[in-house]
Amino acid sequence: MGCGGMVATSQPLAARAGLQMLLDGGTAADAAIAAAATLNVVEPMSTGLGGDAFALVYHAADCKVYALNASGRAPLAATAERYREMGHERMPRKGMLAVTVPGSAAGWADLLDRFGRLGLDRVLQPAIHYATEGYPVTEVIAGQWQDGEAYLEQDEEARRVFLPGGRAPRSGQRFACPDLAASLRQVAEQGPDAFYRGPIAEAIAATSRALGGLLTEEDLARHTSTWVDPIHIDYRGLRVYECPPNGQGITALMA
């Protein structure tokens, strides 16, 4: 609990990480990234460093809402013609051919550069701590993890990382992910270039090639986030903002 601020997430440890940033003098952006990074660790079935990010920020100094699109683009080689040549008439929904450039790491840095106060080296510390030392898996997360067990078993590396002892962690079991801790630590110490260039990028691209994907080192190195104009509607006397497409904000406004 705190005064003058609120952090809401689907997992208490992530909310606690965000709240700690506020107590340490950080901004809402610092808190949001600390919470999001911690969710990467404690809810690996629904979020991860290999994903994207969208952000809306209300800046009280100029009474303006800013929107950040930190989603990644498709690989340069991922054309409709290329997919048809590979036997796909529709965009694959699973596997390496469905993978775009992960945008989160760059998005975190861009958001902090503009609206943060503490820096990546500080806001990523809770996530690094839980990835290194472990955390107790909650009942809901354990159930979702077990639901994906058969899918994880299909990949050797996924089995090694996410199925310790050959099965999904059970409720109350402590789970740690030292590989993720190492990656987060590099991003915290070196910034987003540690993710998009160098050993991490090379490992991502190598895995893509090995699994028949199209993502390359060049795709990763070219990635940038984009500040965009938010979209909005007026609803019952209130103005509701969202990020524009390619995100799903427009769907929320239509609903």
Protein backbone atom coordinates (compact mmCIF):
# COMPACT_ATOMS: atom_id res chain seq x y z
CA MET A 1 0.00 0.00 0.00
CA GLY A 2 1.05 3.59 -0.54
CA CYS A 3 -0.25 7.14 -0.48
CA GLY A 4 -0.53 9.28 -3.59
CA GLY A 5 -0.09 6.42 -6.04
CA MET A 6 -1.49 3.09 -7.17
CA VAL A 7 -0.04 0.06 -8.95
CA ALA A 8 -2.38 -2.61 -10.31
CA THR A 9 -1.18 -5.87 -11.87
CA SER A 10 -2.33 -9.47 -12.10
CA GLN A 11 0.40 -10.64 -9.68
CA PRO A 12 1.20 -9.21 -6.22
CA LEU A 13 4.99 -9.41 -6.61
CA ALA A 14 4.80 -7.29 -9.76
CA ALA A 15 2.56 -4.72 -8.07
CA ARG A 16 5.00 -4.62 -5.17
CA ALA A 17 7.89 -3.96 -7.57
CA GLY A 18 6.05 -1.04 -9.13
CA LEU A 19 5.07 0.40 -5.76
CA GLN A 20 8.68 0.24 -4.59
CA MET A 21 9.71 2.46 -7.51
CA LEU A 22 7.16 5.07 -6.43
CA LEU A 23 8.39 4.89 -2.85
CA ASP A 24 11.95 5.36 -4.14
CA GLY A 25 10.96 8.60 -5.85
CA GLY A 26 10.29 7.19 -9.30
CA THR A 27 7.58 8.19 -11.74
CA ALA A 28 4.61 6.23 -13.01
CA ALA A 29 6.78 5.19 -15.97
CA ASP A 30 9.42 3.77 -13.63
CA ALA A 31 6.74 1.87 -11.72
CA ALA A 32 5.07 0.54 -14.86
CA ILE A 33 8.30 -0.86 -16.28
CA ALA A 34 9.37 -2.41 -12.99
CA ALA A 35 5.99 -4.12 -12.77
CA ALA A 36 6.02 -5.23 -16.42
CA ALA A 37 9.54 -6.66 -16.17
CA THR A 38 8.61 -8.53 -13.01
CA LEU A 39 5.57 -9.98 -14.77
CA ASN A 40 8.00 -11.28 -17.42
CA VAL A 41 9.47 -13.40 -14.65
CA VAL A 42 6.48 -14.39 -12.52
CA GLU A 43 3.94 -14.89 -15.35
CA PRO A 44 6.06 -16.42 -18.13
CA MET A 45 3.02 -18.07 -19.72
CA SER A 46 1.50 -14.71 -20.64
CA THR A 47 4.30 -12.16 -20.93
CA GLY A 48 8.01 -12.03 -21.64
CA LEU A 49 11.07 -10.07 -22.69
CA GLY A 50 10.46 -11.48 -26.16
CA GLY A 51 7.19 -9.57 -26.45
CA ASP A 52 6.00 -6.06 -27.26
CA ALA A 53 4.86 -3.02 -25.30
CA PHE A 54 2.35 -0.21 -25.71
CA ALA A 55 2.15 2.73 -23.31
CA LEU A 56 -0.12 5.69 -22.64
CA VAL A 57 1.27 8.49 -20.48
CA TYR A 58 -0.57 11.52 -19.17
CA HIS A 59 1.95 14.31 -18.65
CA ALA A 60 0.55 16.76 -16.13
CA ALA A 61 3.06 19.48 -17.03
CA ASP A 62 1.46 20.05 -20.43
CA CYS A 63 -1.89 18.29 -19.84
CA LYS A 64 -1.20 15.99 -22.78
CA VAL A 65 -1.50 12.25 -23.38
CA TYR A 66 1.41 10.54 -25.14
CA ALA A 67 1.35 7.11 -26.79
CA LEU A 68 4.30 4.80 -27.38
CA ASN A 69 4.17 1.95 -29.87
CA ALA A 70 6.95 -0.42 -28.85
CA SER A 71 5.80 -3.35 -30.93
CA GLY A 72 8.23 -5.02 -33.28
CA ARG A 73 8.00 -5.22 -37.03
CA ALA A 74 7.89 -8.37 -39.08
CA PRO A 75 11.21 -9.69 -40.42
CA LEU A 76 12.29 -8.10 -43.69
CA ALA A 77 11.99 -11.49 -45.39
CA ALA A 78 8.44 -12.09 -44.12
CA THR A 79 6.52 -11.21 -47.27
CA ALA A 80 3.22 -12.72 -48.37
CA GLU A 81 5.00 -14.23 -51.36
CA ARG A 82 7.60 -15.87 -49.14
CA TYR A 83 4.94 -17.42 -46.92
CA ARG A 84 3.08 -18.80 -49.94
CA GLU A 85 6.33 -20.28 -51.24
CA MET A 86 6.64 -22.03 -47.88
CA GLY A 87 3.15 -23.49 -48.23
CA HIS A 88 1.18 -21.04 -46.08
CA GLU A 89 -1.95 -19.36 -47.41
CA ARG A 90 -2.54 -17.67 -44.06
CA MET A 91 -0.25 -16.10 -41.51
CA PRO A 92 0.95 -18.81 -39.10
CA ARG A 93 -0.24 -18.26 -35.53
CA LYS A 94 2.40 -20.40 -33.81
CA GLY A 95 6.06 -21.17 -34.24
CA MET A 96 8.97 -19.10 -35.52
CA LEU A 97 7.15 -17.96 -38.66
CA ALA A 98 4.74 -16.04 -36.43
CA VAL A 99 7.54 -14.21 -34.62
CA THR A 100 8.17 -10.48 -34.99
CA VAL A 101 11.00 -8.41 -33.52
CA PRO A 102 10.55 -8.18 -29.73
CA GLY A 103 9.89 -4.54 -28.86
CA SER A 104 9.73 -4.46 -25.07
CA ALA A 105 13.38 -3.77 -24.24
CA ALA A 106 13.60 -0.76 -26.55
CA GLY A 107 10.19 0.47 -25.42
CA TRP A 108 11.20 0.39 -21.76
CA ALA A 109 14.29 2.47 -22.49
CA ASP A 110 12.41 4.99 -24.63
CA LEU A 111 9.68 5.40 -22.02
CA LEU A 112 12.24 5.97 -19.27
CA ASP A 113 14.26 8.41 -21.38
CA ARG A 114 11.20 10.63 -21.73
CA PHE A 115 9.23 10.11 -18.54
CA GLY A 116 11.38 8.14 -16.10
CA ARG A 117 13.63 9.17 -13.26
CA LEU A 118 15.38 6.03 -12.00
CA GLY A 119 16.84 4.34 -15.09
CA LEU A 120 16.82 0.76 -16.37
CA ASP A 121 19.54 -0.32 -13.96
CA ARG A 122 17.19 0.39 -11.06
CA VAL A 123 13.74 -0.50 -12.36
CA LEU A 124 14.81 -3.96 -13.58
CA GLN A 125 16.26 -4.99 -10.22
CA PRO A 126 13.07 -6.59 -8.82
CA ALA A 127 12.69 -8.72 -11.95
CA ILE A 128 16.34 -9.73 -11.81
CA HIS A 129 15.96 -10.63 -8.13
CA TYR A 130 12.97 -12.93 -8.68
CA ALA A 131 14.52 -14.52 -11.77
CA THR A 132 17.70 -15.24 -9.80
CA GLU A 133 16.37 -16.21 -6.39
CA GLY A 134 13.04 -17.64 -7.48
CA TYR A 135 9.46 -16.97 -6.41
CA PRO A 136 6.52 -19.10 -5.25
CA VAL A 137 4.27 -20.07 -8.15
CA THR A 138 0.67 -19.12 -7.41
CA GLU A 139 -2.27 -21.45 -7.90
CA VAL A 140 -3.69 -19.66 -10.94
CA ILE A 141 -0.32 -19.43 -12.67
CA ALA A 142 0.45 -23.08 -11.89
CA GLY A 143 -2.80 -24.11 -13.57
CA GLN A 144 -2.07 -22.08 -16.70
CA TRP A 145 1.48 -23.43 -16.79
CA GLN A 146 0.19 -27.00 -16.66
CA ASP A 147 -2.27 -26.23 -19.46
CA GLY A 148 0.71 -25.39 -21.70
CA GLU A 149 2.86 -28.31 -20.60
CA ALA A 150 2.28 -30.42 -23.72
CA TYR A 151 3.23 -27.49 -25.96
CA LEU A 152 6.41 -26.78 -23.98
CA GLU A 153 7.42 -30.43 -24.20
CA GLN A 154 7.73 -30.12 -27.98
CA ASP A 155 10.85 -27.94 -27.73
CA GLU A 156 14.06 -29.06 -26.02
CA GLU A 157 15.01 -25.60 -24.76
CA ALA A 158 11.48 -24.87 -23.54
CA ARG A 159 11.55 -28.14 -21.61
CA ARG A 160 14.86 -27.25 -20.02
CA VAL A 161 13.80 -23.77 -18.94
CA PHE A 162 10.11 -24.09 -18.13
CA LEU A 163 9.65 -27.72 -17.11
CA PRO A 164 12.09 -28.29 -14.24
CA GLY A 165 12.15 -31.95 -13.35
CA GLY A 166 10.17 -32.69 -16.51
CA ARG A 167 6.91 -31.03 -15.49
CA ALA A 168 5.30 -27.64 -14.99
CA PRO A 169 5.88 -26.13 -11.53
CA ARG A 170 3.11 -26.81 -9.04
CA SER A 171 1.37 -24.27 -6.84
CA GLY A 172 3.68 -23.13 -4.06
CA GLN A 173 6.81 -24.47 -5.77
CA ARG A 174 9.73 -22.05 -6.03
CA PHE A 175 10.76 -21.36 -9.62
CA ALA A 176 13.84 -19.45 -10.77
CA CYS A 177 15.00 -18.60 -14.28
CA PRO A 178 18.72 -17.78 -14.23
CA ASP A 179 18.92 -17.47 -18.03
CA LEU A 180 16.30 -14.72 -18.00
CA ALA A 181 18.06 -13.08 -15.06
CA ALA A 182 21.26 -12.95 -17.10
CA SER A 183 19.50 -11.34 -20.07
CA LEU A 184 17.71 -8.78 -17.90
CA ARG A 185 20.97 -7.98 -16.14
CA GLN A 186 22.66 -7.24 -19.47
CA VAL A 187 19.82 -4.93 -20.50
CA ALA A 188 19.92 -3.21 -17.11
CA GLU A 189 23.67 -2.62 -17.31
CA GLN A 190 24.13 -1.92 -21.03
CA GLY A 191 20.75 -0.64 -22.20
CA PRO A 192 18.60 -2.02 -25.02
CA ASP A 193 21.57 -2.47 -27.36
CA ALA A 194 22.47 -5.48 -25.22
CA PHE A 195 19.28 -7.10 -26.51
CA TYR A 196 19.26 -5.98 -30.15
CA ARG A 197 22.97 -6.36 -30.88
CA GLY A 198 25.58 -8.78 -29.64
CA PRO A 199 25.23 -12.23 -28.06
CA ILE A 200 21.51 -12.06 -27.19
CA ALA A 201 20.55 -10.97 -30.71
CA GLU A 202 22.84 -13.59 -32.21
CA ALA A 203 21.24 -16.30 -30.07
CA ILE A 204 17.72 -15.19 -31.06
CA ALA A 205 18.61 -15.17 -34.75
CA ALA A 206 20.37 -18.55 -34.50
CA THR A 207 17.30 -20.08 -32.87
CA SER A 208 15.11 -18.58 -35.58
CA ARG A 209 17.25 -20.14 -38.30
CA ALA A 210 17.34 -23.51 -36.55
CA LEU A 211 13.54 -23.59 -36.29
CA GLY A 212 12.88 -22.40 -39.84
CA GLY A 213 12.10 -18.78 -38.97
CA LEU A 214 12.87 -15.59 -40.87
CA LEU A 215 14.05 -13.30 -38.05
CA THR A 216 17.67 -12.18 -38.49
CA GLU A 217 20.32 -10.13 -36.69
CA GLU A 218 19.61 -7.30 -39.14
CA ASP A 219 15.92 -7.28 -38.20
CA LEU A 220 16.83 -6.94 -34.53
CA ALA A 221 19.45 -4.24 -35.10
CA ARG A 222 17.02 -2.13 -37.17
CA HIS A 223 14.32 -2.06 -34.51
CA THR A 224 13.02 1.24 -33.10
CA SER A 225 10.01 2.27 -31.03
CA THR A 226 7.63 4.98 -32.28
CA TRP A 227 5.90 7.81 -30.45
CA VAL A 228 2.44 8.14 -31.99
CA ASP A 229 -0.67 10.28 -31.55
CA PRO A 230 -3.21 8.52 -29.30
CA ILE A 231 -6.76 7.97 -30.46
CA HIS A 232 -9.77 8.75 -28.28
CA ILE A 233 -13.53 8.79 -27.89
CA ASP A 234 -15.80 10.84 -25.65
CA TYR A 235 -17.89 8.63 -23.39
CA ARG A 236 -20.38 9.91 -20.81
CA GLY A 237 -18.56 13.18 -20.40
CA LEU A 238 -15.10 11.61 -20.25
CA ARG A 239 -12.38 11.41 -22.89
CA VAL A 240 -10.98 7.88 -23.20
CA TYR A 241 -7.57 7.44 -24.84
CA GLU A 242 -5.94 4.41 -26.43
CA CYS A 243 -2.97 3.56 -28.63
CA PRO A 244 -3.82 3.45 -32.36
CA PRO A 245 -3.40 0.36 -34.55
CA ASN A 246 -1.44 -1.89 -34.87
CA GLY A 247 -2.36 -2.33 -31.22
CA GLN A 248 -5.79 -3.39 -30.04
CA GLY A 249 -6.72 -0.07 -28.45
CA ILE A 250 -9.23 0.73 -31.15
CA THR A 251 -11.12 -2.43 -30.23
CA ALA A 252 -11.40 -1.23 -26.64
CA LEU A 253 -12.76 2.12 -27.78
CA MET A 254 -15.29 0.46 -30.08
CA ALA A 255 -16.50 -1.74 -27.21
